[in-house]
All heavy atoms as atom14 arrays in JSON, in Angstrom:
{
  "sequence": "VLLLSDGKRIGHTNNSPVGNNGVILLIDCSQSMAGDKIRQAMAGATE",
  "atom14_mask": [
    [1, 1, 1, 1, 1, 1, 1, 0, 0, 0, 0, 0, 0, 0],
    [1, 1, 1, 1, 1, 1, 1, 1, 0, 0, 0, 0, 0, 0],
    [1, 1, 1, 1, 1, 1, 1, 1, 0, 0, 0, 0, 0, 0],
    [1, 1, 1, 1, 1, 1, 1, 1, 0, 0, 0, 0, 0, 0],
    [1, 1, 1, 1, 1, 1, 0, 0, 0, 0, 0, 0, 0, 0],
    [1, 1, 1, 1, 1, 1, 1, 1, 0, 0, 0, 0, 0, 0],
    [1, 1, 1, 1, 0, 0, 0, 0, 0, 0, 0, 0, 0, 0],
    [1, 1, 1, 1, 1, 1, 1, 1, 1, 0, 0, 0, 0, 0],
    [1, 1, 1, 1, 1, 1, 1, 1, 1, 1, 1, 0, 0, 0],
    [1, 1, 1, 1, 1, 1, 1, 1, 0, 0, 0, 0, 0, 0],
    [1, 1, 1, 1, 0, 0, 0, 0, 0, 0, 0, 0, 0, 0],
    [1, 1, 1, 1, 1, 1, 1, 1, 1, 1, 0, 0, 0, 0],
    [1, 1, 1, 1, 1, 1, 1, 0, 0, 0, 0, 0, 0, 0],
    [1, 1, 1, 1, 1, 1, 1, 1, 0, 0, 0, 0, 0, 0],
    [1, 1, 1, 1, 1, 1, 1, 1, 0, 0, 0, 0, 0, 0],
    [1, 1, 1, 1, 1, 1, 0, 0, 0, 0, 0, 0, 0, 0],
    [1, 1, 1, 1, 1, 1, 1, 0, 0, 0, 0, 0, 0, 0],
    [1, 1, 1, 1, 1, 1, 1, 0, 0, 0, 0, 0, 0, 0],
    [1, 1, 1, 1, 0, 0, 0, 0, 0, 0, 0, 0, 0, 0],
    [1, 1, 1, 1, 1, 1, 1, 1, 0, 0, 0, 0, 0, 0],
    [1, 1, 1, 1, 1, 1, 1, 1, 0, 0, 0, 0, 0, 0],
    [1, 1, 1, 1, 0, 0, 0, 0, 0, 0, 0, 0, 0, 0],
    [1, 1, 1, 1, 1, 1, 1, 0, 0, 0, 0, 0, 0, 0],
    [1, 1, 1, 1, 1, 1, 1, 1, 0, 0, 0, 0, 0, 0],
    [1, 1, 1, 1, 1, 1, 1, 1, 0, 0, 0, 0, 0, 0],
    [1, 1, 1, 1, 1, 1, 1, 1, 0, 0, 0, 0, 0, 0],
    [1, 1, 1, 1, 1, 1, 1, 1, 0, 0, 0, 0, 0, 0],
    [1, 1, 1, 1, 1, 1, 1, 1, 0, 0, 0, 0, 0, 0],
    [1, 1, 1, 1, 1, 1, 0, 0, 0, 0, 0, 0, 0, 0],
    [1, 1, 1, 1, 1, 1, 0, 0, 0, 0, 0, 0, 0, 0],
    [1, 1, 1, 1, 1, 1, 1, 1, 1, 0, 0, 0, 0, 0],
    [1, 1, 1, 1, 1, 1, 0, 0, 0, 0, 0, 0, 0, 0],
    [1, 1, 1, 1, 1, 1, 1, 1, 0, 0, 0, 0, 0, 0],
    [1, 1, 1, 1, 1, 0, 0, 0, 0, 0, 0, 0, 0, 0],
    [1, 1, 1, 1, 0, 0, 0, 0, 0, 0, 0, 0, 0, 0],
    [1, 1, 1, 1, 1, 1, 1, 1, 0, 0, 0, 0, 0, 0],
    [1, 1, 1, 1, 1, 1, 1, 1, 1, 0, 0, 0, 0, 0],
    [1, 1, 1, 1, 1, 1, 1, 1, 0, 0, 0, 0, 0, 0],
    [1, 1, 1, 1, 1, 1, 1, 1, 1, 1, 1, 0, 0, 0],
    [1, 1, 1, 1, 1, 1, 1, 1, 1, 0, 0, 0, 0, 0],
    [1, 1, 1, 1, 1, 0, 0, 0, 0, 0, 0, 0, 0, 0],
    [1, 1, 1, 1, 1, 1, 1, 1, 0, 0, 0, 0, 0, 0],
    [1, 1, 1, 1, 1, 0, 0, 0, 0, 0, 0, 0, 0, 0],
    [1, 1, 1, 1, 0, 0, 0, 0, 0, 0, 0, 0, 0, 0],
    [1, 1, 1, 1, 1, 0, 0, 0, 0, 0, 0, 0, 0, 0],
    [1, 1, 1, 1, 1, 1, 1, 0, 0, 0, 0, 0, 0, 0],
    [1, 1, 1, 1, 1, 1, 1, 1, 1, 0, 0, 0, 0, 0]
  ],
  "atom14_positions": [
    [[131.88, -37.2, 160.79], [132.12, -36.29, 161.87], [131.94, -37.02, 163.18], [131.39, -38.14, 163.25], [131.15, -35.08, 161.84], [131.34, -34.26, 160.56], [129.73, -35.53, 162.01], [0.0, 0.0, 0.0], [0.0, 0.0, 0.0], [0.0, 0.0, 0.0], [0.0, 0.0, 0.0], [0.0, 0.0, 0.0], [0.0, 0.0, 0.0], [0.0, 0.0, 0.0]],
    [[132.42, -36.42, 164.25], [132.21, -36.94, 165.59], [131.08, -36.16, 166.24], [131.21, -34.96, 166.43], [133.52, -36.83, 166.42], [133.53, -37.34, 167.85], [133.08, -38.79, 167.9], [134.91, -37.16, 168.46], [0.0, 0.0, 0.0], [0.0, 0.0, 0.0], [0.0, 0.0, 0.0], [0.0, 0.0, 0.0], [0.0, 0.0, 0.0], [0.0, 0.0, 0.0]],
    [[129.99, -36.82, 166.51], [128.84, -36.18, 167.12], [128.86, -36.46, 168.63], [128.75, -37.58, 169.07], [127.54, -36.74, 166.52], [126.23, -36.19, 167.08], [126.14, -34.67, 166.87], [125.02, -36.89, 166.45], [0.0, 0.0, 0.0], [0.0, 0.0, 0.0], [0.0, 0.0, 0.0], [0.0, 0.0, 0.0], [0.0, 0.0, 0.0], [0.0, 0.0, 0.0]],
    [[128.99, -35.38, 169.41], [129.07, -35.5, 170.88], [127.7, -35.41, 171.49], [126.75, -34.88, 170.94], [129.98, -34.41, 171.42], [131.42, -34.36, 170.88], [132.21, -33.24, 171.57], [132.1, -35.7, 171.12], [0.0, 0.0, 0.0], [0.0, 0.0, 0.0], [0.0, 0.0, 0.0], [0.0, 0.0, 0.0], [0.0, 0.0, 0.0], [0.0, 0.0, 0.0]],
    [[127.63, -35.93, 172.72], [126.33, -35.97, 173.43], [125.81, -34.57, 173.77], [124.59, -34.43, 174.02], [126.51, -36.79, 174.72], [127.54, -36.31, 175.51], [0.0, 0.0, 0.0], [0.0, 0.0, 0.0], [0.0, 0.0, 0.0], [0.0, 0.0, 0.0], [0.0, 0.0, 0.0], [0.0, 0.0, 0.0], [0.0, 0.0, 0.0], [0.0, 0.0, 0.0]],
    [[126.66, -33.57, 173.79], [126.21, -32.2, 174.03], [125.78, -31.48, 172.76], [125.51, -30.28, 172.77], [127.26, -31.42, 174.79], [128.57, -31.24, 173.98], [128.62, -31.7, 172.82], [129.54, -30.68, 174.53], [0.0, 0.0, 0.0], [0.0, 0.0, 0.0], [0.0, 0.0, 0.0], [0.0, 0.0, 0.0], [0.0, 0.0, 0.0], [0.0, 0.0, 0.0]],
    [[125.8, -32.18, 171.62], [125.37, -31.63, 170.36], [126.5, -31.06, 169.53], [126.29, -30.73, 168.34], [0.0, 0.0, 0.0], [0.0, 0.0, 0.0], [0.0, 0.0, 0.0], [0.0, 0.0, 0.0], [0.0, 0.0, 0.0], [0.0, 0.0, 0.0], [0.0, 0.0, 0.0], [0.0, 0.0, 0.0], [0.0, 0.0, 0.0], [0.0, 0.0, 0.0]],
    [[127.69, -30.98, 170.09], [128.84, -30.45, 169.31], [129.26, -31.47, 168.25], [129.19, -32.67, 168.45], [130.01, -30.23, 170.28], [131.27, -29.7, 169.63], [132.37, -29.51, 170.67], [133.65, -29.03, 170.07], [134.73, -28.9, 171.11], [0.0, 0.0, 0.0], [0.0, 0.0, 0.0], [0.0, 0.0, 0.0], [0.0, 0.0, 0.0], [0.0, 0.0, 0.0]],
    [[129.63, -30.93, 167.1], [130.15, -31.76, 166.0], [131.61, -31.37, 165.73], [131.96, -30.24, 165.64], [129.34, -31.55, 164.72], [127.95, -32.11, 164.76], [127.17, -31.73, 163.52], [125.82, -32.28, 163.58], [125.47, -33.41, 162.95], [126.36, -34.09, 162.25], [124.25, -33.91, 163.04], [0.0, 0.0, 0.0], [0.0, 0.0, 0.0], [0.0, 0.0, 0.0]],
    [[132.45, -32.43, 165.6], [133.86, -32.21, 165.31], [134.17, -32.94, 164.01], [133.82, -34.13, 163.85], [134.75, -32.78, 166.41], [134.44, -32.09, 167.76], [136.23, -32.55, 166.08], [135.19, -32.69, 168.92], [0.0, 0.0, 0.0], [0.0, 0.0, 0.0], [0.0, 0.0, 0.0], [0.0, 0.0, 0.0], [0.0, 0.0, 0.0], [0.0, 0.0, 0.0]],
    [[134.8, -32.25, 163.08], [135.15, -32.87, 161.82], [136.54, -32.52, 161.4], [137.15, -31.53, 161.88], [0.0, 0.0, 0.0], [0.0, 0.0, 0.0], [0.0, 0.0, 0.0], [0.0, 0.0, 0.0], [0.0, 0.0, 0.0], [0.0, 0.0, 0.0], [0.0, 0.0, 0.0], [0.0, 0.0, 0.0], [0.0, 0.0, 0.0], [0.0, 0.0, 0.0]],
    [[137.11, -33.26, 160.45], [138.44, -32.96, 159.95], [138.47, -31.65, 159.19], [139.47, -30.94, 159.19], [138.91, -34.06, 159.01], [139.33, -35.32, 159.71], [140.22, -35.31, 160.78], [139.02, -36.62, 159.5], [140.41, -36.6, 161.17], [139.7, -37.36, 160.43], [0.0, 0.0, 0.0], [0.0, 0.0, 0.0], [0.0, 0.0, 0.0], [0.0, 0.0, 0.0]],
    [[137.37, -31.32, 158.56], [137.43, -30.19, 157.61], [137.23, -28.84, 158.24], [137.54, -27.81, 157.65], [136.34, -30.37, 156.53], [135.05, -30.46, 157.12], [136.61, -31.65, 155.74], [0.0, 0.0, 0.0], [0.0, 0.0, 0.0], [0.0, 0.0, 0.0], [0.0, 0.0, 0.0], [0.0, 0.0, 0.0], [0.0, 0.0, 0.0], [0.0, 0.0, 0.0]],
    [[136.65, -28.78, 159.44], [136.31, -27.48, 160.02], [137.07, -27.16, 161.31], [136.62, -26.33, 162.12], [134.8, -27.36, 160.29], [134.29, -28.43, 161.24], [135.08, -29.27, 161.73], [133.03, -28.44, 161.53], [0.0, 0.0, 0.0], [0.0, 0.0, 0.0], [0.0, 0.0, 0.0], [0.0, 0.0, 0.0], [0.0, 0.0, 0.0], [0.0, 0.0, 0.0]],
    [[138.17, -27.84, 161.52], [138.96, -27.57, 162.71], [140.43, -27.43, 162.38], [140.97, -28.22, 161.58], [138.79, -28.73, 163.71], [137.41, -28.79, 164.33], [137.11, -28.05, 165.28], [136.55, -29.61, 163.8], [0.0, 0.0, 0.0], [0.0, 0.0, 0.0], [0.0, 0.0, 0.0], [0.0, 0.0, 0.0], [0.0, 0.0, 0.0], [0.0, 0.0, 0.0]],
    [[141.08, -26.48, 162.97], [142.53, -26.36, 162.88], [143.09, -26.46, 164.3], [142.37, -26.16, 165.26], [142.92, -25.0, 162.25], [142.34, -23.93, 163.01], [0.0, 0.0, 0.0], [0.0, 0.0, 0.0], [0.0, 0.0, 0.0], [0.0, 0.0, 0.0], [0.0, 0.0, 0.0], [0.0, 0.0, 0.0], [0.0, 0.0, 0.0], [0.0, 0.0, 0.0]],
    [[144.33, -26.9, 164.46], [144.84, -27.1, 165.83], [144.85, -25.83, 166.63], [145.31, -24.78, 166.22], [146.29, -27.57, 165.54], [146.21, -28.19, 164.16], [145.23, -27.34, 163.42], [0.0, 0.0, 0.0], [0.0, 0.0, 0.0], [0.0, 0.0, 0.0], [0.0, 0.0, 0.0], [0.0, 0.0, 0.0], [0.0, 0.0, 0.0], [0.0, 0.0, 0.0]],
    [[144.24, -25.93, 167.84], [144.18, -24.8, 168.76], [144.75, -25.17, 170.14], [144.88, -24.3, 171.01], [142.77, -24.26, 168.91], [142.27, -23.69, 167.61], [141.82, -25.35, 169.42], [0.0, 0.0, 0.0], [0.0, 0.0, 0.0], [0.0, 0.0, 0.0], [0.0, 0.0, 0.0], [0.0, 0.0, 0.0], [0.0, 0.0, 0.0], [0.0, 0.0, 0.0]],
    [[145.07, -26.43, 170.34], [145.57, -26.88, 171.62], [146.8, -27.76, 171.45], [147.08, -28.26, 170.34], [0.0, 0.0, 0.0], [0.0, 0.0, 0.0], [0.0, 0.0, 0.0], [0.0, 0.0, 0.0], [0.0, 0.0, 0.0], [0.0, 0.0, 0.0], [0.0, 0.0, 0.0], [0.0, 0.0, 0.0], [0.0, 0.0, 0.0], [0.0, 0.0, 0.0]],
    [[147.49, -27.96, 172.53], [148.73, -28.76, 172.49], [148.52, -30.15, 173.14], [147.69, -30.32, 174.03], [149.83, -28.03, 173.29], [150.3, -26.77, 172.62], [150.24, -26.65, 171.38], [150.79, -25.81, 173.39], [0.0, 0.0, 0.0], [0.0, 0.0, 0.0], [0.0, 0.0, 0.0], [0.0, 0.0, 0.0], [0.0, 0.0, 0.0], [0.0, 0.0, 0.0]],
    [[149.3, -31.1, 172.66], [149.5, -32.37, 173.33], [148.18, -33.17, 173.58], [147.86, -33.54, 174.69], [150.2, -32.13, 174.68], [151.53, -31.39, 174.52], [152.18, -31.53, 173.48], [151.91, -30.65, 175.52], [0.0, 0.0, 0.0], [0.0, 0.0, 0.0], [0.0, 0.0, 0.0], [0.0, 0.0, 0.0], [0.0, 0.0, 0.0], [0.0, 0.0, 0.0]],
    [[147.45, -33.4, 172.47], [146.25, -34.22, 172.61], [146.58, -35.7, 172.46], [147.36, -36.12, 171.59], [0.0, 0.0, 0.0], [0.0, 0.0, 0.0], [0.0, 0.0, 0.0], [0.0, 0.0, 0.0], [0.0, 0.0, 0.0], [0.0, 0.0, 0.0], [0.0, 0.0, 0.0], [0.0, 0.0, 0.0], [0.0, 0.0, 0.0], [0.0, 0.0, 0.0]],
    [[145.97, -36.5, 173.3], [146.17, -37.97, 173.32], [144.84, -38.66, 173.44], [144.01, -38.26, 174.25], [147.06, -38.39, 174.5], [147.3, -39.93, 174.44], [148.39, -37.66, 174.49], [0.0, 0.0, 0.0], [0.0, 0.0, 0.0], [0.0, 0.0, 0.0], [0.0, 0.0, 0.0], [0.0, 0.0, 0.0], [0.0, 0.0, 0.0], [0.0, 0.0, 0.0]],
    [[144.59, -39.66, 172.6], [143.46, -40.53, 172.76], [143.92, -41.94, 173.04], [144.72, -42.5, 172.29], [142.58, -40.57, 171.48], [141.95, -39.2, 171.22], [141.49, -41.64, 171.62], [140.88, -38.78, 172.19], [0.0, 0.0, 0.0], [0.0, 0.0, 0.0], [0.0, 0.0, 0.0], [0.0, 0.0, 0.0], [0.0, 0.0, 0.0], [0.0, 0.0, 0.0]],
    [[143.49, -42.46, 174.17], [143.69, -43.9, 174.51], [142.6, -44.68, 173.79], [141.4, -44.46, 174.09], [143.61, -44.11, 176.03], [144.82, -43.67, 176.82], [144.48, -43.68, 178.32], [145.99, -44.6, 176.56], [0.0, 0.0, 0.0], [0.0, 0.0, 0.0], [0.0, 0.0, 0.0], [0.0, 0.0, 0.0], [0.0, 0.0, 0.0], [0.0, 0.0, 0.0]],
    [[142.94, -45.55, 172.84], [141.95, -46.27, 172.04], [142.04, -47.75, 172.44], [143.0, -48.44, 172.11], [142.3, -46.08, 170.57], [141.39, -46.75, 169.55], [139.93, -46.32, 169.73], [141.89, -46.47, 168.13], [0.0, 0.0, 0.0], [0.0, 0.0, 0.0], [0.0, 0.0, 0.0], [0.0, 0.0, 0.0], [0.0, 0.0, 0.0], [0.0, 0.0, 0.0]],
    [[141.02, -48.22, 173.12], [141.0, -49.56, 173.73], [140.09, -50.51, 172.99], [138.89, -50.22, 172.87], [140.59, -49.49, 175.23], [141.38, -48.4, 175.97], [140.76, -50.83, 175.9], [142.86, -48.65, 176.09], [0.0, 0.0, 0.0], [0.0, 0.0, 0.0], [0.0, 0.0, 0.0], [0.0, 0.0, 0.0], [0.0, 0.0, 0.0], [0.0, 0.0, 0.0]],
    [[140.64, -51.61, 172.57], [139.84, -52.7, 171.99], [138.97, -53.29, 173.08], [139.48, -53.79, 174.11], [140.8, -53.74, 171.42], [140.13, -54.94, 170.77], [138.91, -55.1, 170.89], [140.85, -55.76, 170.18], [0.0, 0.0, 0.0], [0.0, 0.0, 0.0], [0.0, 0.0, 0.0], [0.0, 0.0, 0.0], [0.0, 0.0, 0.0], [0.0, 0.0, 0.0]],
    [[137.65, -53.27, 172.9], [136.74, -53.87, 173.9], [135.94, -54.97, 173.3], [134.81, -55.26, 173.75], [135.85, -52.79, 174.52], [134.68, -52.04, 173.41], [0.0, 0.0, 0.0], [0.0, 0.0, 0.0], [0.0, 0.0, 0.0], [0.0, 0.0, 0.0], [0.0, 0.0, 0.0], [0.0, 0.0, 0.0], [0.0, 0.0, 0.0], [0.0, 0.0, 0.0]],
    [[136.47, -55.62, 172.25], [135.77, -56.75, 171.67], [135.69, -57.9, 172.66], [136.38, -57.93, 173.7], [136.48, -57.24, 170.41], [137.83, -57.6, 170.7], [0.0, 0.0, 0.0], [0.0, 0.0, 0.0], [0.0, 0.0, 0.0], [0.0, 0.0, 0.0], [0.0, 0.0, 0.0], [0.0, 0.0, 0.0], [0.0, 0.0, 0.0], [0.0, 0.0, 0.0]],
    [[134.89, -58.91, 172.39], [134.63, -59.99, 173.32], [135.89, -60.72, 173.75], [136.04, -61.12, 174.9], [133.65, -61.0, 172.7], [133.22, -62.12, 173.67], [132.58, -61.56, 174.95], [131.72, -60.71, 174.9], [133.0, -62.08, 176.09], [0.0, 0.0, 0.0], [0.0, 0.0, 0.0], [0.0, 0.0, 0.0], [0.0, 0.0, 0.0], [0.0, 0.0, 0.0]],
    [[136.84, -60.84, 172.84], [138.08, -61.55, 173.15], [138.95, -60.85, 174.19], [139.86, -61.45, 174.76], [138.88, -61.81, 171.87], [139.25, -60.57, 171.28], [0.0, 0.0, 0.0], [0.0, 0.0, 0.0], [0.0, 0.0, 0.0], [0.0, 0.0, 0.0], [0.0, 0.0, 0.0], [0.0, 0.0, 0.0], [0.0, 0.0, 0.0], [0.0, 0.0, 0.0]],
    [[138.65, -59.56, 174.47], [139.43, -58.84, 175.47], [138.89, -59.06, 176.87], [139.46, -58.53, 177.86], [139.39, -57.35, 175.11], [140.33, -56.92, 174.04], [142.07, -56.91, 174.46], [142.15, -55.53, 175.63], [0.0, 0.0, 0.0], [0.0, 0.0, 0.0], [0.0, 0.0, 0.0], [0.0, 0.0, 0.0], [0.0, 0.0, 0.0], [0.0, 0.0, 0.0]],
    [[137.82, -59.8, 177.03], [137.19, -59.97, 178.34], [138.16, -60.63, 179.33], [139.07, -61.39, 178.96], [135.95, -60.84, 178.21], [0.0, 0.0, 0.0], [0.0, 0.0, 0.0], [0.0, 0.0, 0.0], [0.0, 0.0, 0.0], [0.0, 0.0, 0.0], [0.0, 0.0, 0.0], [0.0, 0.0, 0.0], [0.0, 0.0, 0.0], [0.0, 0.0, 0.0]],
    [[137.98, -60.3, 180.59], [138.79, -60.92, 181.66], [140.03, -60.11, 181.99], [139.98, -58.89, 182.07], [0.0, 0.0, 0.0], [0.0, 0.0, 0.0], [0.0, 0.0, 0.0], [0.0, 0.0, 0.0], [0.0, 0.0, 0.0], [0.0, 0.0, 0.0], [0.0, 0.0, 0.0], [0.0, 0.0, 0.0], [0.0, 0.0, 0.0], [0.0, 0.0, 0.0]],
    [[141.15, -60.79, 182.15], [142.38, -60.13, 182.61], [142.89, -59.09, 181.63], [143.46, -58.06, 182.03], [143.45, -61.2, 182.89], [144.64, -60.62, 183.66], [144.42, -59.78, 184.55], [145.77, -61.0, 183.39], [0.0, 0.0, 0.0], [0.0, 0.0, 0.0], [0.0, 0.0, 0.0], [0.0, 0.0, 0.0], [0.0, 0.0, 0.0], [0.0, 0.0, 0.0]],
    [[142.71, -59.36, 180.34], [143.2, -58.39, 179.36], [142.54, -57.01, 179.53], [143.23, -55.98, 179.54], [142.97, -58.94, 177.94], [143.96, -60.02, 177.56], [143.77, -60.5, 176.17], [142.59, -61.45, 176.04], [142.5, -62.07, 174.68], [0.0, 0.0, 0.0], [0.0, 0.0, 0.0], [0.0, 0.0, 0.0], [0.0, 0.0, 0.0], [0.0, 0.0, 0.0]],
    [[141.22, -56.98, 179.62], [140.56, -55.65, 179.75], [140.83, -55.06, 181.11], [140.96, -53.83, 181.26], [139.05, -55.77, 179.45], [138.53, -54.4, 179.07], [138.29, -56.37, 180.61], [139.07, -53.82, 177.81], [0.0, 0.0, 0.0], [0.0, 0.0, 0.0], [0.0, 0.0, 0.0], [0.0, 0.0, 0.0], [0.0, 0.0, 0.0], [0.0, 0.0, 0.0]],
    [[140.95, -55.9, 182.15], [141.28, -55.34, 183.46], [142.63, -54.66, 183.47], [142.81, -53.58, 184.02], [141.25, -56.44, 184.52], [139.8, -56.85, 184.92], [139.83, -57.73, 186.18], [140.45, -59.03, 185.94], [139.8, -60.11, 185.53], [138.47, -60.05, 185.31], [140.41, -61.25, 185.35], [0.0, 0.0, 0.0], [0.0, 0.0, 0.0], [0.0, 0.0, 0.0]],
    [[143.62, -55.31, 182.82], [144.97, -54.71, 182.75], [144.96, -53.47, 181.84], [145.64, -52.49, 182.14], [145.96, -55.75, 182.24], [146.29, -56.8, 183.23], [147.6, -57.51, 182.89], [148.55, -56.91, 182.4], [147.67, -58.83, 183.18], [0.0, 0.0, 0.0], [0.0, 0.0, 0.0], [0.0, 0.0, 0.0], [0.0, 0.0, 0.0], [0.0, 0.0, 0.0]],
    [[144.19, -53.53, 180.76], [144.1, -52.38, 179.87], [143.52, -51.17, 180.62], [144.03, -50.05, 180.5], [143.25, -52.69, 178.66], [0.0, 0.0, 0.0], [0.0, 0.0, 0.0], [0.0, 0.0, 0.0], [0.0, 0.0, 0.0], [0.0, 0.0, 0.0], [0.0, 0.0, 0.0], [0.0, 0.0, 0.0], [0.0, 0.0, 0.0], [0.0, 0.0, 0.0]],
    [[142.52, -51.41, 181.43], [141.88, -50.32, 182.18], [142.82, -49.77, 183.28], [142.94, -48.56, 183.42], [140.57, -50.8, 182.8], [139.49, -51.11, 181.75], [138.11, -52.07, 182.42], [137.33, -50.83, 183.46], [0.0, 0.0, 0.0], [0.0, 0.0, 0.0], [0.0, 0.0, 0.0], [0.0, 0.0, 0.0], [0.0, 0.0, 0.0], [0.0, 0.0, 0.0]],
    [[143.5, -50.64, 183.97], [144.44, -50.2, 184.99], [145.6, -49.45, 184.37], [146.01, -48.38, 184.85], [144.94, -51.39, 185.79], [0.0, 0.0, 0.0], [0.0, 0.0, 0.0], [0.0, 0.0, 0.0], [0.0, 0.0, 0.0], [0.0, 0.0, 0.0], [0.0, 0.0, 0.0], [0.0, 0.0, 0.0], [0.0, 0.0, 0.0], [0.0, 0.0, 0.0]],
    [[146.13, -49.95, 183.25], [147.23, -49.29, 182.58], [146.81, -47.95, 182.0], [147.6, -46.98, 182.03], [0.0, 0.0, 0.0], [0.0, 0.0, 0.0], [0.0, 0.0, 0.0], [0.0, 0.0, 0.0], [0.0, 0.0, 0.0], [0.0, 0.0, 0.0], [0.0, 0.0, 0.0], [0.0, 0.0, 0.0], [0.0, 0.0, 0.0], [0.0, 0.0, 0.0]],
    [[145.57, -47.86, 181.53], [145.07, -46.6, 180.98], [145.01, -45.53, 182.06], [145.33, -44.38, 181.84], [143.71, -46.83, 180.35], [0.0, 0.0, 0.0], [0.0, 0.0, 0.0], [0.0, 0.0, 0.0], [0.0, 0.0, 0.0], [0.0, 0.0, 0.0], [0.0, 0.0, 0.0], [0.0, 0.0, 0.0], [0.0, 0.0, 0.0], [0.0, 0.0, 0.0]],
    [[144.57, -45.91, 183.23], [144.5, -44.96, 184.35], [145.88, -44.47, 184.73], [146.11, -43.26, 184.91], [143.79, -45.61, 185.55], [142.47, -45.99, 185.19], [143.73, -44.66, 186.75], [0.0, 0.0, 0.0], [0.0, 0.0, 0.0], [0.0, 0.0, 0.0], [0.0, 0.0, 0.0], [0.0, 0.0, 0.0], [0.0, 0.0, 0.0], [0.0, 0.0, 0.0]],
    [[146.82, -45.39, 184.82], [148.2, -44.99, 185.15], [148.79, -44.09, 184.07], [149.43, -43.06, 184.36], [149.08, -46.24, 185.33], [148.76, -47.07, 186.56], [149.69, -48.26, 186.67], [150.9, -48.09, 186.37], [149.19, -49.36, 186.98], [0.0, 0.0, 0.0], [0.0, 0.0, 0.0], [0.0, 0.0, 0.0], [0.0, 0.0, 0.0], [0.0, 0.0, 0.0]]
  ]
}
């Protein structure tokens, strides 16, 4: 499950779609992304 900081739990088994057009930006932040790569990823994510 996904445990949120507010105590809410989200799981595959207890949720059905109730909203439209959900998007998750999933950014690799491993050490090799340091420098220009992560700066561009962050700027592109904002845009």
